[in-house]
Amino acid sequence: MKKYFVLLIMLFTGSFIFCQTIELPAPQKTGGMPLMETLAKRTTVRSFDTTDISLQQLSDLLWASFGVNRSDGKRTAPSANNKQEIDIYVLLKTGAFVYDAQDNKLTQVATEDLRKAAASQKFAGDAPVQLIFIADLSKSGNGTEEEKLRMANIDCGYVSQNTYLYCTSAGLVTGARASINRDAITAPLKLKPEQKIILAHSVGFQKK
């Protein structure tokens, strides 16, 4: 009986740890670099320091990329017919999470550090944060898979540019890449067949 009780405790504890939720601080929606200056300084960086960004910066980053900016649930980036089919998965040293834009939180989907596994180039794995943009084609309505993917690629581009602009404005650096070790992260992230990995962004501070 005692062993059974201990086992239940272990299972409950393991489940609690795995289902960790990170409540993000409210995003800061004012300040930052003026738009024209941000556009003038926007660039792609391929060399990252391993220093962590703050939880506030992470919240601001995710909100700027594809957060909710209106009371009707619409977002900071457009999507075809407002399908909002792009999900942002966040790879951190503490595990992998999916961004819940409506509730401004991160829900853990994997406990292992997948940053280096996802990165097909070494520089990408050095960054403290990797964002994986995934299109859930089950949200895309009617049409062939090819048609849905075409629109998802366009919608993902809007989100990606928001990521670039926020990072530039906030003194962070980023680099988008379509080169991702998809096979290495599909199973750990528990992706469904209709979820397609589109793009990744490494985010952090530039290596001196």
N, C-alpha and C. Protein backbone atom coordinates (compact mmCIF):
# COMPACT_ATOMS: atom_id res chain seq x y z
N MET A 1 0.83 -1.20 0.00
CA MET A 1 0.00 0.00 0.00
C MET A 1 0.87 1.26 0.00
N LYS A 2 1.95 1.20 0.83
CA LYS A 2 2.84 2.35 0.91
C LYS A 2 3.51 2.61 -0.44
N LYS A 3 3.97 1.52 -1.09
CA LYS A 3 4.62 1.66 -2.40
C LYS A 3 3.65 2.24 -3.42
N TYR A 4 2.41 1.80 -3.35
CA TYR A 4 1.38 2.29 -4.27
C TYR A 4 1.15 3.78 -4.07
N PHE A 5 1.12 4.19 -2.80
CA PHE A 5 0.92 5.61 -2.48
C PHE A 5 2.09 6.45 -2.99
N VAL A 6 3.31 5.96 -2.80
CA VAL A 6 4.50 6.67 -3.27
C VAL A 6 4.48 6.80 -4.79
N LEU A 7 4.04 5.73 -5.46
CA LEU A 7 3.96 5.76 -6.91
C LEU A 7 2.97 6.81 -7.38
N LEU A 8 1.85 6.90 -6.71
CA LEU A 8 0.86 7.92 -7.06
C LEU A 8 1.42 9.33 -6.89
N ILE A 9 2.17 9.53 -5.81
CA ILE A 9 2.80 10.83 -5.57
C ILE A 9 3.76 11.17 -6.70
N MET A 10 4.56 10.18 -7.10
CA MET A 10 5.55 10.40 -8.17
C MET A 10 4.86 10.72 -9.48
N LEU A 11 3.80 9.98 -9.78
CA LEU A 11 3.08 10.23 -11.03
C LEU A 11 2.45 11.60 -11.03
N PHE A 12 1.85 11.97 -9.92
CA PHE A 12 1.22 13.28 -9.82
C PHE A 12 2.25 14.39 -9.96
N THR A 13 3.37 14.23 -9.26
CA THR A 13 4.42 15.25 -9.31
C THR A 13 4.99 15.38 -10.70
N GLY A 14 5.25 14.24 -11.35
CA GLY A 14 5.79 14.27 -12.70
C GLY A 14 4.83 14.94 -13.66
N SER A 15 3.54 14.65 -13.50
CA SER A 15 2.53 15.26 -14.36
C SER A 15 2.48 16.76 -14.13
N PHE A 16 2.58 17.18 -12.87
CA PHE A 16 2.54 18.60 -12.54
C PHE A 16 3.72 19.33 -13.18
N ILE A 17 4.90 18.73 -13.07
CA ILE A 17 6.09 19.36 -13.65
C ILE A 17 5.96 19.45 -15.16
N PHE A 18 5.49 18.37 -15.78
CA PHE A 18 5.41 18.36 -17.23
C PHE A 18 4.40 19.38 -17.75
N CYS A 19 3.31 19.57 -17.00
CA CYS A 19 2.26 20.48 -17.43
C CYS A 19 2.48 21.90 -16.92
N GLN A 20 3.71 22.26 -16.68
CA GLN A 20 4.02 23.57 -16.14
C GLN A 20 3.47 24.68 -17.03
N THR A 21 2.89 25.65 -16.41
CA THR A 21 2.42 26.84 -17.10
C THR A 21 3.20 28.04 -16.61
N ILE A 22 3.68 28.85 -17.53
CA ILE A 22 4.37 30.08 -17.18
C ILE A 22 3.42 31.25 -17.47
N GLU A 23 2.99 31.91 -16.42
CA GLU A 23 2.15 33.10 -16.57
C GLU A 23 3.06 34.27 -16.93
N LEU A 24 2.88 34.82 -18.10
CA LEU A 24 3.74 35.89 -18.56
C LEU A 24 3.28 37.24 -17.99
N PRO A 25 4.22 38.14 -17.69
CA PRO A 25 3.80 39.48 -17.29
C PRO A 25 3.10 40.19 -18.44
N ALA A 26 2.25 41.13 -18.11
CA ALA A 26 1.54 41.88 -19.15
C ALA A 26 2.55 42.54 -20.09
N PRO A 27 2.35 42.43 -21.39
CA PRO A 27 3.31 43.05 -22.32
C PRO A 27 3.31 44.57 -22.20
N GLN A 28 4.48 45.15 -22.36
CA GLN A 28 4.62 46.60 -22.36
C GLN A 28 4.36 47.11 -23.78
N LYS A 29 3.31 47.88 -23.94
CA LYS A 29 2.84 48.26 -25.27
C LYS A 29 3.20 49.69 -25.64
N THR A 30 4.06 50.31 -24.86
CA THR A 30 4.52 51.65 -25.17
C THR A 30 6.04 51.67 -25.14
N GLY A 31 6.60 52.73 -25.68
CA GLY A 31 8.06 52.89 -25.66
C GLY A 31 8.71 52.19 -26.84
N GLY A 32 10.00 51.99 -26.73
CA GLY A 32 10.74 51.37 -27.82
C GLY A 32 11.23 52.40 -28.83
N MET A 33 11.95 51.90 -29.80
CA MET A 33 12.54 52.75 -30.83
C MET A 33 11.47 53.20 -31.82
N PRO A 34 11.53 54.44 -32.32
CA PRO A 34 10.57 54.88 -33.34
C PRO A 34 10.61 53.97 -34.57
N LEU A 35 9.47 53.82 -35.24
CA LEU A 35 9.35 52.87 -36.34
C LEU A 35 10.38 53.08 -37.44
N MET A 36 10.56 54.29 -37.90
CA MET A 36 11.48 54.52 -39.02
C MET A 36 12.92 54.20 -38.64
N GLU A 37 13.29 54.49 -37.40
CA GLU A 37 14.62 54.13 -36.94
C GLU A 37 14.77 52.62 -36.82
N THR A 38 13.70 51.97 -36.36
CA THR A 38 13.71 50.50 -36.27
C THR A 38 13.90 49.87 -37.64
N LEU A 39 13.18 50.37 -38.61
CA LEU A 39 13.31 49.83 -39.97
C LEU A 39 14.72 50.06 -40.51
N ALA A 40 15.30 51.21 -40.19
CA ALA A 40 16.65 51.52 -40.68
C ALA A 40 17.70 50.59 -40.08
N LYS A 41 17.42 50.09 -38.84
CA LYS A 41 18.42 49.27 -38.14
C LYS A 41 18.11 47.77 -38.18
N ARG A 42 16.98 47.39 -38.76
CA ARG A 42 16.61 45.97 -38.80
C ARG A 42 17.65 45.16 -39.56
N THR A 43 18.06 44.03 -38.97
CA THR A 43 19.07 43.20 -39.61
C THR A 43 18.93 41.76 -39.12
N THR A 44 19.56 40.85 -39.83
CA THR A 44 19.62 39.44 -39.40
C THR A 44 20.97 39.17 -38.75
N VAL A 45 20.94 38.52 -37.60
CA VAL A 45 22.16 38.22 -36.85
C VAL A 45 22.33 36.71 -36.74
N ARG A 46 23.55 36.25 -36.86
CA ARG A 46 23.86 34.82 -36.80
C ARG A 46 24.87 34.49 -35.70
N SER A 47 25.00 35.37 -34.72
CA SER A 47 25.95 35.14 -33.64
C SER A 47 25.30 35.59 -32.34
N PHE A 48 25.08 34.63 -31.42
CA PHE A 48 24.30 34.91 -30.22
C PHE A 48 25.09 34.64 -28.95
N ASP A 49 24.91 35.52 -27.97
CA ASP A 49 25.38 35.27 -26.62
C ASP A 49 24.39 34.30 -25.96
N THR A 50 24.85 33.56 -24.98
CA THR A 50 23.98 32.58 -24.33
C THR A 50 23.18 33.17 -23.17
N THR A 51 23.38 34.46 -22.88
CA THR A 51 22.67 35.11 -21.78
C THR A 51 21.16 35.07 -21.99
N ASP A 52 20.42 34.73 -20.93
CA ASP A 52 18.96 34.67 -21.03
C ASP A 52 18.37 36.07 -21.19
N ILE A 53 17.25 36.14 -21.90
CA ILE A 53 16.47 37.37 -21.90
C ILE A 53 15.52 37.31 -20.70
N SER A 54 14.96 38.44 -20.30
CA SER A 54 14.07 38.46 -19.14
C SER A 54 12.68 37.94 -19.53
N LEU A 55 11.90 37.58 -18.51
CA LEU A 55 10.53 37.13 -18.75
C LEU A 55 9.69 38.26 -19.35
N GLN A 56 9.98 39.50 -18.94
CA GLN A 56 9.26 40.64 -19.52
C GLN A 56 9.58 40.78 -21.00
N GLN A 57 10.85 40.63 -21.35
CA GLN A 57 11.23 40.70 -22.77
C GLN A 57 10.58 39.58 -23.56
N LEU A 58 10.51 38.39 -22.97
CA LEU A 58 9.87 37.27 -23.66
C LEU A 58 8.39 37.55 -23.89
N SER A 59 7.73 38.09 -22.88
CA SER A 59 6.31 38.43 -23.02
C SER A 59 6.11 39.48 -24.11
N ASP A 60 6.94 40.50 -24.10
CA ASP A 60 6.84 41.56 -25.11
C ASP A 60 7.11 41.01 -26.51
N LEU A 61 8.11 40.15 -26.60
CA LEU A 61 8.46 39.52 -27.88
C LEU A 61 7.29 38.74 -28.47
N LEU A 62 6.68 37.90 -27.65
CA LEU A 62 5.59 37.06 -28.14
C LEU A 62 4.36 37.89 -28.48
N TRP A 63 4.08 38.90 -27.65
CA TRP A 63 2.93 39.75 -27.94
C TRP A 63 3.15 40.51 -29.24
N ALA A 64 4.33 41.09 -29.40
CA ALA A 64 4.63 41.83 -30.63
C ALA A 64 4.55 40.92 -31.85
N SER A 65 5.04 39.70 -31.70
CA SER A 65 5.06 38.77 -32.84
C SER A 65 3.65 38.38 -33.28
N PHE A 66 2.82 37.95 -32.31
CA PHE A 66 1.49 37.49 -32.71
C PHE A 66 0.54 37.46 -31.50
N GLY A 67 0.57 38.53 -30.73
CA GLY A 67 -0.30 38.62 -29.57
C GLY A 67 -1.66 39.21 -29.91
N VAL A 68 -2.52 39.24 -28.93
CA VAL A 68 -3.86 39.82 -29.08
C VAL A 68 -3.76 41.32 -28.81
N ASN A 69 -4.21 42.13 -29.75
CA ASN A 69 -4.12 43.59 -29.58
C ASN A 69 -5.46 44.29 -29.64
N ARG A 70 -6.55 43.51 -29.68
CA ARG A 70 -7.88 44.09 -29.69
C ARG A 70 -8.83 43.24 -28.86
N SER A 71 -9.89 43.86 -28.40
CA SER A 71 -10.83 43.16 -27.51
C SER A 71 -11.59 42.05 -28.22
N ASP A 72 -11.60 42.08 -29.56
CA ASP A 72 -12.30 41.02 -30.30
C ASP A 72 -11.41 39.82 -30.58
N GLY A 73 -10.20 39.80 -30.01
CA GLY A 73 -9.31 38.64 -30.16
C GLY A 73 -8.41 38.69 -31.36
N LYS A 74 -8.47 39.75 -32.14
CA LYS A 74 -7.60 39.85 -33.32
C LYS A 74 -6.18 40.17 -32.86
N ARG A 75 -5.23 39.98 -33.79
CA ARG A 75 -3.83 39.87 -33.41
C ARG A 75 -2.97 40.98 -34.00
N THR A 76 -1.70 41.01 -33.57
CA THR A 76 -0.75 42.01 -34.03
C THR A 76 -0.26 41.75 -35.46
N ALA A 77 -0.53 40.57 -35.99
CA ALA A 77 -0.20 40.25 -37.38
C ALA A 77 -1.47 39.74 -38.07
N PRO A 78 -1.67 40.09 -39.34
CA PRO A 78 -2.87 39.62 -40.04
C PRO A 78 -2.76 38.15 -40.43
N SER A 79 -3.91 37.54 -40.70
CA SER A 79 -3.94 36.18 -41.25
C SER A 79 -5.14 36.07 -42.18
N ALA A 80 -5.03 35.22 -43.18
CA ALA A 80 -6.08 35.08 -44.18
C ALA A 80 -7.40 34.71 -43.51
N ASN A 81 -8.43 35.51 -43.75
CA ASN A 81 -9.76 35.27 -43.18
C ASN A 81 -9.72 35.17 -41.65
N ASN A 82 -8.71 35.78 -41.04
CA ASN A 82 -8.53 35.77 -39.59
C ASN A 82 -8.53 34.34 -39.03
N LYS A 83 -7.91 33.42 -39.76
CA LYS A 83 -7.86 32.02 -39.29
C LYS A 83 -6.86 31.83 -38.15
N GLN A 84 -5.88 32.72 -38.05
CA GLN A 84 -4.90 32.66 -36.96
C GLN A 84 -4.30 31.26 -36.82
N GLU A 85 -3.85 30.73 -37.96
CA GLU A 85 -3.37 29.34 -37.99
C GLU A 85 -1.92 29.16 -37.52
N ILE A 86 -1.22 30.26 -37.30
CA ILE A 86 0.18 30.17 -36.87
C ILE A 86 0.25 30.07 -35.35
N ASP A 87 0.89 29.01 -34.86
CA ASP A 87 1.17 28.86 -33.43
C ASP A 87 2.66 29.07 -33.21
N ILE A 88 3.00 29.71 -32.09
CA ILE A 88 4.40 29.93 -31.75
C ILE A 88 4.80 28.97 -30.65
N TYR A 89 5.75 28.10 -30.95
CA TYR A 89 6.34 27.22 -29.96
C TYR A 89 7.65 27.86 -29.50
N VAL A 90 7.88 27.86 -28.20
CA VAL A 90 9.02 28.54 -27.60
C VAL A 90 9.96 27.50 -27.00
N LEU A 91 11.18 27.43 -27.52
CA LEU A 91 12.17 26.49 -27.00
C LEU A 91 13.11 27.24 -26.06
N LEU A 92 13.14 26.79 -24.80
CA LEU A 92 13.98 27.37 -23.77
C LEU A 92 14.83 26.27 -23.15
N LYS A 93 15.78 26.65 -22.31
CA LYS A 93 16.59 25.63 -21.65
C LYS A 93 15.76 24.80 -20.67
N THR A 94 14.62 25.34 -20.24
CA THR A 94 13.75 24.62 -19.30
C THR A 94 12.70 23.76 -20.00
N GLY A 95 12.73 23.71 -21.33
CA GLY A 95 11.78 22.88 -22.05
C GLY A 95 11.15 23.62 -23.22
N ALA A 96 10.13 23.00 -23.79
CA ALA A 96 9.42 23.57 -24.93
C ALA A 96 8.00 23.94 -24.51
N PHE A 97 7.55 25.08 -24.99
CA PHE A 97 6.25 25.62 -24.60
C PHE A 97 5.50 26.11 -25.83
N VAL A 98 4.19 26.18 -25.73
CA VAL A 98 3.39 26.80 -26.78
C VAL A 98 2.77 28.07 -26.21
N TYR A 99 2.80 29.12 -27.01
CA TYR A 99 2.30 30.44 -26.58
C TYR A 99 0.79 30.49 -26.70
N ASP A 100 0.14 30.80 -25.60
CA ASP A 100 -1.30 31.01 -25.55
C ASP A 100 -1.53 32.51 -25.57
N ALA A 101 -1.85 33.04 -26.76
CA ALA A 101 -1.96 34.49 -26.90
C ALA A 101 -3.17 35.05 -26.17
N GLN A 102 -4.25 34.28 -26.12
CA GLN A 102 -5.46 34.77 -25.48
C GLN A 102 -5.26 34.99 -23.98
N ASP A 103 -4.57 34.08 -23.33
CA ASP A 103 -4.36 34.16 -21.88
C ASP A 103 -2.96 34.64 -21.51
N ASN A 104 -2.13 34.97 -22.51
CA ASN A 104 -0.78 35.48 -22.29
C ASN A 104 0.02 34.56 -21.36
N LYS A 105 0.16 33.32 -21.77
CA LYS A 105 0.90 32.36 -20.97
C LYS A 105 1.59 31.35 -21.87
N LEU A 106 2.51 30.60 -21.28
CA LEU A 106 3.20 29.51 -21.97
C LEU A 106 2.79 28.19 -21.33
N THR A 107 2.42 27.23 -22.15
CA THR A 107 2.06 25.90 -21.66
C THR A 107 3.12 24.92 -22.12
N GLN A 108 3.69 24.18 -21.18
CA GLN A 108 4.78 23.27 -21.50
C GLN A 108 4.29 22.05 -22.28
N VAL A 109 5.03 21.72 -23.34
CA VAL A 109 4.70 20.54 -24.14
C VAL A 109 5.83 19.51 -24.11
N ALA A 110 7.02 19.91 -23.66
CA ALA A 110 8.15 18.98 -23.54
C ALA A 110 9.08 19.51 -22.45
N THR A 111 9.69 18.61 -21.72
CA THR A 111 10.56 19.01 -20.62
C THR A 111 12.03 19.14 -21.02
N GLU A 112 12.41 18.55 -22.15
CA GLU A 112 13.81 18.59 -22.53
C GLU A 112 14.15 19.88 -23.27
N ASP A 113 15.43 20.25 -23.24
CA ASP A 113 15.94 21.41 -23.96
C ASP A 113 16.13 20.99 -25.42
N LEU A 114 15.30 21.52 -26.31
CA LEU A 114 15.32 21.12 -27.72
C LEU A 114 15.99 22.15 -28.62
N ARG A 115 16.62 23.15 -28.02
CA ARG A 115 17.17 24.24 -28.83
C ARG A 115 18.25 23.75 -29.80
N LYS A 116 19.18 22.97 -29.32
CA LYS A 116 20.25 22.48 -30.20
C LYS A 116 19.73 21.41 -31.15
N ALA A 117 18.77 20.62 -30.69
CA ALA A 117 18.20 19.59 -31.55
C ALA A 117 17.49 20.21 -32.76
N ALA A 118 16.83 21.35 -32.53
CA ALA A 118 16.09 22.01 -33.61
C ALA A 118 17.00 22.73 -34.59
N ALA A 119 18.18 23.11 -34.12
CA ALA A 119 19.07 23.97 -34.90
C ALA A 119 19.94 23.15 -35.84
N SER A 120 19.81 23.42 -37.12
CA SER A 120 20.67 22.75 -38.08
C SER A 120 22.00 23.47 -38.25
N GLN A 121 22.11 24.67 -37.67
CA GLN A 121 23.37 25.40 -37.64
C GLN A 121 23.71 25.71 -36.19
N LYS A 122 24.97 25.63 -35.83
CA LYS A 122 25.39 25.78 -34.43
C LYS A 122 24.97 27.11 -33.84
N PHE A 123 25.10 28.19 -34.61
CA PHE A 123 24.81 29.52 -34.05
C PHE A 123 23.38 29.58 -33.52
N ALA A 124 22.46 28.88 -34.19
CA ALA A 124 21.05 28.94 -33.80
C ALA A 124 20.83 28.31 -32.43
N GLY A 125 21.58 27.27 -32.13
CA GLY A 125 21.43 26.59 -30.86
C GLY A 125 22.02 27.34 -29.69
N ASP A 126 22.85 28.35 -29.97
CA ASP A 126 23.45 29.14 -28.89
C ASP A 126 22.48 30.16 -28.30
N ALA A 127 21.48 30.56 -29.06
CA ALA A 127 20.55 31.59 -28.62
C ALA A 127 19.71 31.09 -27.44
N PRO A 128 19.40 31.96 -26.47
CA PRO A 128 18.61 31.52 -25.31
C PRO A 128 17.17 31.17 -25.65
N VAL A 129 16.66 31.74 -26.74
CA VAL A 129 15.27 31.49 -27.14
C VAL A 129 15.22 31.11 -28.61
N GLN A 130 14.47 30.07 -28.89
CA GLN A 130 14.14 29.76 -30.27
C GLN A 130 12.63 29.74 -30.40
N LEU A 131 12.12 30.51 -31.35
CA LEU A 131 10.71 30.49 -31.67
C LEU A 131 10.51 29.62 -32.91
N ILE A 132 9.59 28.68 -32.81
CA ILE A 132 9.25 27.83 -33.95
C ILE A 132 7.84 28.18 -34.38
N PHE A 133 7.68 28.67 -35.61
CA PHE A 133 6.38 29.04 -36.13
C PHE A 133 5.78 27.84 -36.85
N ILE A 134 4.64 27.39 -36.36
CA ILE A 134 4.01 26.18 -36.86
C ILE A 134 2.60 26.50 -37.35
N ALA A 135 2.29 26.11 -38.57
CA ALA A 135 0.96 26.32 -39.13
C ALA A 135 0.08 25.12 -38.85
N ASP A 136 -1.04 25.35 -38.20
CA ASP A 136 -2.02 24.30 -37.95
C ASP A 136 -3.06 24.38 -39.06
N LEU A 137 -2.90 23.52 -40.07
CA LEU A 137 -3.76 23.60 -41.25
C LEU A 137 -5.20 23.20 -40.96
N SER A 138 -5.44 22.59 -39.79
CA SER A 138 -6.82 22.26 -39.43
C SER A 138 -7.62 23.52 -39.14
N LYS A 139 -6.93 24.65 -38.94
CA LYS A 139 -7.61 25.93 -38.68
C LYS A 139 -7.84 26.73 -39.96
N SER A 140 -7.34 26.21 -41.09
CA SER A 140 -7.27 27.02 -42.31
C SER A 140 -8.50 26.96 -43.19
N GLY A 141 -9.53 26.23 -42.78
CA GLY A 141 -10.75 26.17 -43.57
C GLY A 141 -10.62 25.26 -44.76
N ASN A 142 -11.37 25.58 -45.81
CA ASN A 142 -11.40 24.74 -47.00
C ASN A 142 -10.19 24.99 -47.89
N GLY A 143 -9.97 24.06 -48.83
CA GLY A 143 -8.86 24.19 -49.76
C GLY A 143 -7.93 23.00 -49.68
N THR A 144 -7.08 22.88 -50.68
CA THR A 144 -6.10 21.81 -50.69
C THR A 144 -4.98 22.12 -49.70
N GLU A 145 -4.19 21.12 -49.36
CA GLU A 145 -3.06 21.36 -48.47
C GLU A 145 -2.10 22.37 -49.08
N GLU A 146 -1.90 22.29 -50.39
CA GLU A 146 -1.00 23.24 -51.05
C GLU A 146 -1.51 24.67 -50.90
N GLU A 147 -2.82 24.86 -51.07
CA GLU A 147 -3.40 26.20 -50.94
C GLU A 147 -3.28 26.70 -49.49
N LYS A 148 -3.55 25.81 -48.55
CA LYS A 148 -3.45 26.20 -47.14
C LYS A 148 -2.02 26.57 -46.76
N LEU A 149 -1.07 25.79 -47.26
CA LEU A 149 0.34 26.07 -46.96
C LEU A 149 0.79 27.38 -47.59
N ARG A 150 0.29 27.68 -48.78
CA ARG A 150 0.66 28.93 -49.43
C ARG A 150 0.24 30.13 -48.58
N MET A 151 -0.99 30.08 -48.08
CA MET A 151 -1.46 31.17 -47.25
C MET A 151 -0.74 31.20 -45.90
N ALA A 152 -0.46 30.01 -45.35
CA ALA A 152 0.24 29.94 -44.07
C ALA A 152 1.64 30.54 -44.18
N ASN A 153 2.31 30.31 -45.29
CA ASN A 153 3.65 30.88 -45.49
C ASN A 153 3.58 32.40 -45.51
N ILE A 154 2.55 32.94 -46.16
CA ILE A 154 2.38 34.40 -46.19
C ILE A 154 2.11 34.93 -44.79
N ASP A 155 1.16 34.28 -44.09
CA ASP A 155 0.81 34.72 -42.73
C ASP A 155 2.01 34.63 -41.80
N CYS A 156 2.81 33.59 -41.96
CA CYS A 156 4.01 33.43 -41.13
C CYS A 156 4.99 34.56 -41.38
N GLY A 157 5.05 35.05 -42.62
CA GLY A 157 5.93 36.16 -42.95
C GLY A 157 5.59 37.42 -42.17
N TYR A 158 4.29 37.66 -41.97
CA TYR A 158 3.87 38.82 -41.19
C TYR A 158 4.37 38.70 -39.74
N VAL A 159 4.20 37.51 -39.17
CA VAL A 159 4.63 37.28 -37.79
C VAL A 159 6.14 37.43 -37.67
N SER A 160 6.85 36.89 -38.64
CA SER A 160 8.31 36.96 -38.63
C SER A 160 8.80 38.41 -38.66
N GLN A 161 8.17 39.22 -39.49
CA GLN A 161 8.60 40.62 -39.54
C GLN A 161 8.33 41.33 -38.22
N ASN A 162 7.21 41.01 -37.58
CA ASN A 162 6.95 41.59 -36.25
C ASN A 162 8.06 41.21 -35.27
N THR A 163 8.52 39.96 -35.35
CA THR A 163 9.61 39.51 -34.48
C THR A 163 10.87 40.32 -34.73
N TYR A 164 11.20 40.52 -35.99
CA TYR A 164 12.37 41.33 -36.34
C TYR A 164 12.25 42.75 -35.78
N LEU A 165 11.09 43.36 -35.98
CA LEU A 165 10.93 44.76 -35.57
C LEU A 165 10.98 44.91 -34.06
N TYR A 166 10.34 43.97 -33.34
CA TYR A 166 10.42 44.06 -31.88
C TYR A 166 11.86 43.93 -31.40
N CYS A 167 12.57 42.93 -31.89
CA CYS A 167 13.93 42.70 -31.43
C CYS A 167 14.81 43.92 -31.69
N THR A 168 14.68 44.51 -32.86
CA THR A 168 15.47 45.70 -33.17
C THR A 168 15.12 46.84 -32.23
N SER A 169 13.84 47.05 -32.01
CA SER A 169 13.38 48.14 -31.15
C SER A 169 13.81 47.95 -29.70
N ALA A 170 13.89 46.69 -29.25
CA ALA A 170 14.15 46.39 -27.84
C ALA A 170 15.62 46.12 -27.52
N GLY A 171 16.50 46.22 -28.52
CA GLY A 171 17.91 45.97 -28.28
C GLY A 171 18.29 44.51 -28.27
N LEU A 172 17.42 43.66 -28.78
CA LEU A 172 17.73 42.24 -28.96
C LEU A 172 18.11 42.00 -30.42
N VAL A 173 18.55 40.79 -30.72
CA VAL A 173 18.86 40.44 -32.10
C VAL A 173 18.16 39.13 -32.44
N THR A 174 17.96 38.92 -33.73
CA THR A 174 17.28 37.71 -34.18
C THR A 174 17.71 37.35 -35.59
N GLY A 175 17.42 36.13 -35.96
CA GLY A 175 17.66 35.67 -37.32
C GLY A 175 16.66 34.60 -37.66
N ALA A 176 15.94 34.80 -38.75
CA ALA A 176 14.95 33.81 -39.20
C ALA A 176 15.64 32.76 -40.05
N ARG A 177 15.12 31.53 -39.99
CA ARG A 177 15.67 30.47 -40.83
C ARG A 177 14.59 29.42 -41.09
N ALA A 178 14.62 28.92 -42.32
CA ALA A 178 13.74 27.82 -42.68
C ALA A 178 14.44 26.49 -42.52
N SER A 179 15.76 26.55 -42.29
CA SER A 179 16.55 25.33 -42.08
C SER A 179 16.40 24.89 -40.63
N ILE A 180 15.59 23.86 -40.42
CA ILE A 180 15.25 23.38 -39.08
C ILE A 180 15.31 21.85 -39.10
N ASN A 181 15.80 21.25 -38.03
CA ASN A 181 15.79 19.79 -37.92
C ASN A 181 14.37 19.33 -37.55
N ARG A 182 13.51 19.32 -38.53
CA ARG A 182 12.10 19.02 -38.28
C ARG A 182 11.89 17.64 -37.67
N ASP A 183 12.62 16.66 -38.16
CA ASP A 183 12.45 15.29 -37.65
C ASP A 183 12.82 15.18 -36.17
N ALA A 184 13.75 16.02 -35.73
CA ALA A 184 14.23 15.93 -34.35
C ALA A 184 13.25 16.52 -33.34
N ILE A 185 12.34 17.39 -33.79
CA ILE A 185 11.44 18.05 -32.84
C ILE A 185 9.97 17.72 -33.04
N THR A 186 9.63 17.09 -34.15
CA THR A 186 8.21 16.80 -34.40
C THR A 186 7.61 15.91 -33.32
N ALA A 187 8.30 14.83 -32.98
CA ALA A 187 7.78 13.92 -31.95
C ALA A 187 7.81 14.55 -30.56
N PRO A 188 8.94 15.15 -30.11
CA PRO A 188 8.95 15.77 -28.78
C PRO A 188 7.89 16.85 -28.60
N LEU A 189 7.60 17.59 -29.67
CA LEU A 189 6.58 18.64 -29.58
C LEU A 189 5.17 18.09 -29.72
N LYS A 190 5.09 16.77 -30.02
CA LYS A 190 3.79 16.10 -30.15
C LYS A 190 2.92 16.75 -31.23
N LEU A 191 3.55 17.05 -32.36
CA LEU A 191 2.83 17.69 -33.45
C LEU A 191 1.94 16.70 -34.19
N LYS A 192 0.79 17.17 -34.61
CA LYS A 192 -0.14 16.37 -35.40
C LYS A 192 0.23 16.48 -36.88
N PRO A 193 -0.23 15.56 -37.71
CA PRO A 193 0.12 15.61 -39.14
C PRO A 193 -0.25 16.92 -39.81
N GLU A 194 -1.32 17.55 -39.35
CA GLU A 194 -1.75 18.80 -39.98
C GLU A 194 -0.97 20.02 -39.48
N GLN A 195 -0.06 19.82 -38.53
CA GLN A 195 0.78 20.91 -38.05
C GLN A 195 2.11 20.89 -38.82
N LYS A 196 2.38 21.97 -39.52
CA LYS A 196 3.56 22.05 -40.38
C LYS A 196 4.53 23.10 -39.85
N ILE A 197 5.77 22.69 -39.65
CA ILE A 197 6.81 23.63 -39.20
C ILE A 197 7.21 24.52 -40.38
N ILE A 198 7.06 25.83 -40.21
CA ILE A 198 7.31 26.77 -41.31
C ILE A 198 8.65 27.47 -41.17
N LEU A 199 8.90 28.05 -39.99
CA LEU A 199 10.04 28.95 -39.85
C LEU A 199 10.49 28.95 -38.39
N ALA A 200 11.75 29.31 -38.18
CA ALA A 200 12.27 29.45 -36.81
C ALA A 200 12.97 30.80 -36.68
N HIS A 201 12.96 31.34 -35.45
CA HIS A 201 13.70 32.55 -35.12
C HIS A 201 14.55 32.28 -33.90
N SER A 202 15.84 32.49 -34.00
CA SER A 202 16.69 32.51 -32.81
C SER A 202 16.67 33.94 -32.27
N VAL A 203 16.54 34.07 -30.94
CA VAL A 203 16.41 35.41 -30.33
C VAL A 203 17.33 35.50 -29.12
N GLY A 204 17.98 36.63 -28.97
CA GLY A 204 18.83 36.84 -27.80
C GLY A 204 19.62 38.12 -27.93
N PHE A 205 20.81 38.11 -27.34
CA PHE A 205 21.73 39.24 -27.42
C PHE A 205 22.87 38.87 -28.38
N GLN A 206 23.40 39.88 -29.05
CA GLN A 206 24.48 39.61 -29.99
C GLN A 206 25.76 39.27 -29.26
N LYS A 207 26.46 38.28 -29.76
CA LYS A 207 27.73 37.88 -29.18
C LYS A 207 28.77 38.94 -29.43
N LYS A 208 29.48 39.32 -28.39
CA LYS A 208 30.51 40.38 -28.52
C LYS A 208 31.76 39.82 -29.20
